[in-house]
Structures are given as structure tokens and as C-alpha cells.
Protein backbone atom coordinates (compact mmCIF):
# COMPACT_ATOMS: atom_id res chain seq x y z
CA MET A 1 23.63 -13.51 -14.56
CA GLY A 2 21.61 -15.70 -11.61
CA ASN A 3 19.26 -19.01 -12.27
CA THR A 4 16.89 -18.91 -14.19
CA LYS A 5 14.98 -21.29 -13.13
CA GLU A 6 14.94 -20.07 -9.82
CA MET A 7 13.51 -16.93 -11.13
CA ASP A 8 10.49 -18.74 -13.16
CA ASP A 9 10.00 -20.41 -9.99
CA TYR A 10 9.80 -17.27 -7.66
CA LEU A 11 7.36 -15.28 -10.84
CA ALA A 12 5.78 -19.03 -11.32
CA PHE A 13 4.74 -18.65 -7.24
CA TYR A 14 4.95 -15.19 -6.43
CA ASN A 15 1.95 -14.85 -9.32
CA SER A 16 -0.20 -18.04 -8.53
CA ASP A 17 -3.55 -17.09 -7.46
CA GLU A 18 -3.21 -17.85 -3.94
CA GLN A 19 -0.21 -15.61 -3.77
CA LYS A 20 -2.14 -13.06 -5.52
CA THR A 21 -5.02 -13.72 -3.06
CA ILE A 22 -3.16 -13.30 0.52
CA ARG A 23 -2.10 -9.42 -0.88
CA GLU A 24 -5.36 -9.06 -1.79
CA GLN A 25 -6.17 -9.77 1.06
CA GLN A 26 -3.75 -7.39 3.31
CA TYR A 27 -4.86 -4.70 1.18
CA ILE A 28 -8.65 -5.22 2.07
CA GLU A 29 -8.17 -5.92 5.43
CA THR A 30 -5.18 -3.02 6.01
CA LEU A 31 -7.55 -0.30 3.71
CA PRO A 32 -10.43 0.20 6.80
CA LEU A 33 -7.25 0.64 8.82
CA ALA A 34 -5.46 2.93 7.37
CA ILE A 35 -8.02 5.52 6.59
CA GLU A 36 -8.48 6.03 10.49
CA TYR A 37 -5.34 6.40 10.58
CA ILE A 38 -4.86 8.98 8.18
CA ARG A 39 -8.08 10.17 10.30
CA LYS A 40 -6.30 10.54 13.87
CA TYR A 41 -3.30 11.41 12.44
CA PRO A 42 -3.67 13.64 9.42
CA ASN A 43 0.02 14.91 8.54
CA ARG A 44 1.86 11.31 8.22
CA CYS A 45 -0.14 10.64 4.81
CA ASP A 46 3.10 8.97 3.38
CA VAL A 47 3.51 5.45 2.18
CA THR A 48 6.47 4.33 4.29
CA VAL A 49 4.48 6.08 7.69
CA LEU A 50 1.80 3.17 6.53
CA GLN A 51 4.32 0.39 5.99
CA ARG A 52 5.90 0.66 9.47
CA HIS A 53 2.84 1.13 10.82
CA PHE A 54 0.61 -1.88 9.34
CA ARG A 55 4.50 -3.65 8.76
CA ILE A 56 3.40 -4.19 5.25
CA SER A 57 5.28 -3.53 1.44
CA TYR A 58 5.75 -0.72 -0.51
CA VAL A 59 3.04 -1.85 -2.82
CA PRO A 60 0.26 -2.83 -0.55
CA ALA A 61 1.22 1.05 1.09
CA SER A 62 1.25 2.55 -2.08
CA ARG A 63 -2.31 0.86 -3.28
CA ILE A 64 -3.95 2.09 -0.20
CA LEU A 65 -3.32 5.76 -0.92
CA ASP A 66 -3.61 5.69 -4.46
CA ALA A 67 -6.68 4.38 -3.78
CA MET A 68 -7.66 6.89 -0.94
CA GLU A 69 -6.37 9.24 -3.83
CA LYS A 70 -9.21 8.33 -6.36
CA ASP A 71 -11.38 8.49 -4.17
CA GLY A 72 -10.60 12.31 -2.60
CA MET A 73 -9.70 11.69 0.77
CA ILE A 74 -5.92 12.51 0.27
CA GLY A 75 -4.74 14.59 -2.47
CA LYS A 76 -1.82 13.51 -5.22
CA TRP A 77 1.65 13.45 -3.73
CA GLU A 78 3.61 16.72 -3.83
CA GLY A 79 7.14 14.65 -3.39
CA SER A 80 8.61 16.27 -0.23
CA LYS A 81 5.53 17.88 1.17
CA GLY A 82 3.75 14.60 1.62
CA ARG A 83 -0.04 14.80 0.42
CA LYS A 84 -3.44 16.56 1.81
CA VAL A 85 -5.81 14.72 3.52
CA PHE A 86 -9.35 15.81 3.41
CA ILE A 87 -11.32 13.54 5.33
CA LYS A 88 -11.96 14.49 8.77
């Protein structure tokens, strides 16, 4: 199966306060940039585009779009159609 100790060590590292702080900081710094990017390119409101443009992983990119959706800046995910952008 795999080395359980290695997995436990990795999870302890990943869930450490230091790593959580790094992930939160990455999100906080990227959100305003993502908003400006989506204003400029409304047809590119997609997790993959944010990942490539800002060189971030899937989770931060997804959280950014989820936060923007919650705040009414973009619409819900509609599969391959992409999200509607409400901010100008």
C-alpha cells in the first residue's frame, strides 16, 4: 500500500499552522489580482485559466472563484459553458 509513517508525516506537515498560513496568504494576495484579470478578460473566468495565469494550484484557484460567486461577482459553474461575469 505505501508507507503509513510517510503519509502521516506529510499530513502533519501539510496541516501545520505554517503551511495553512502560507496557503491563506497565497489566496489573499491572489484574489484582488484575479478580480482585475476577470474584469479585463470576462470570457476567461475559469479555474484552469487562473491556475495558468497566476501559477497557483487548483484549490486556491477554485476558492477564489467560489468566493467571487458567493459575493455575486460571477455566476455559478455551468460545466463547459464557463461562468457569467457580473463585475465590470
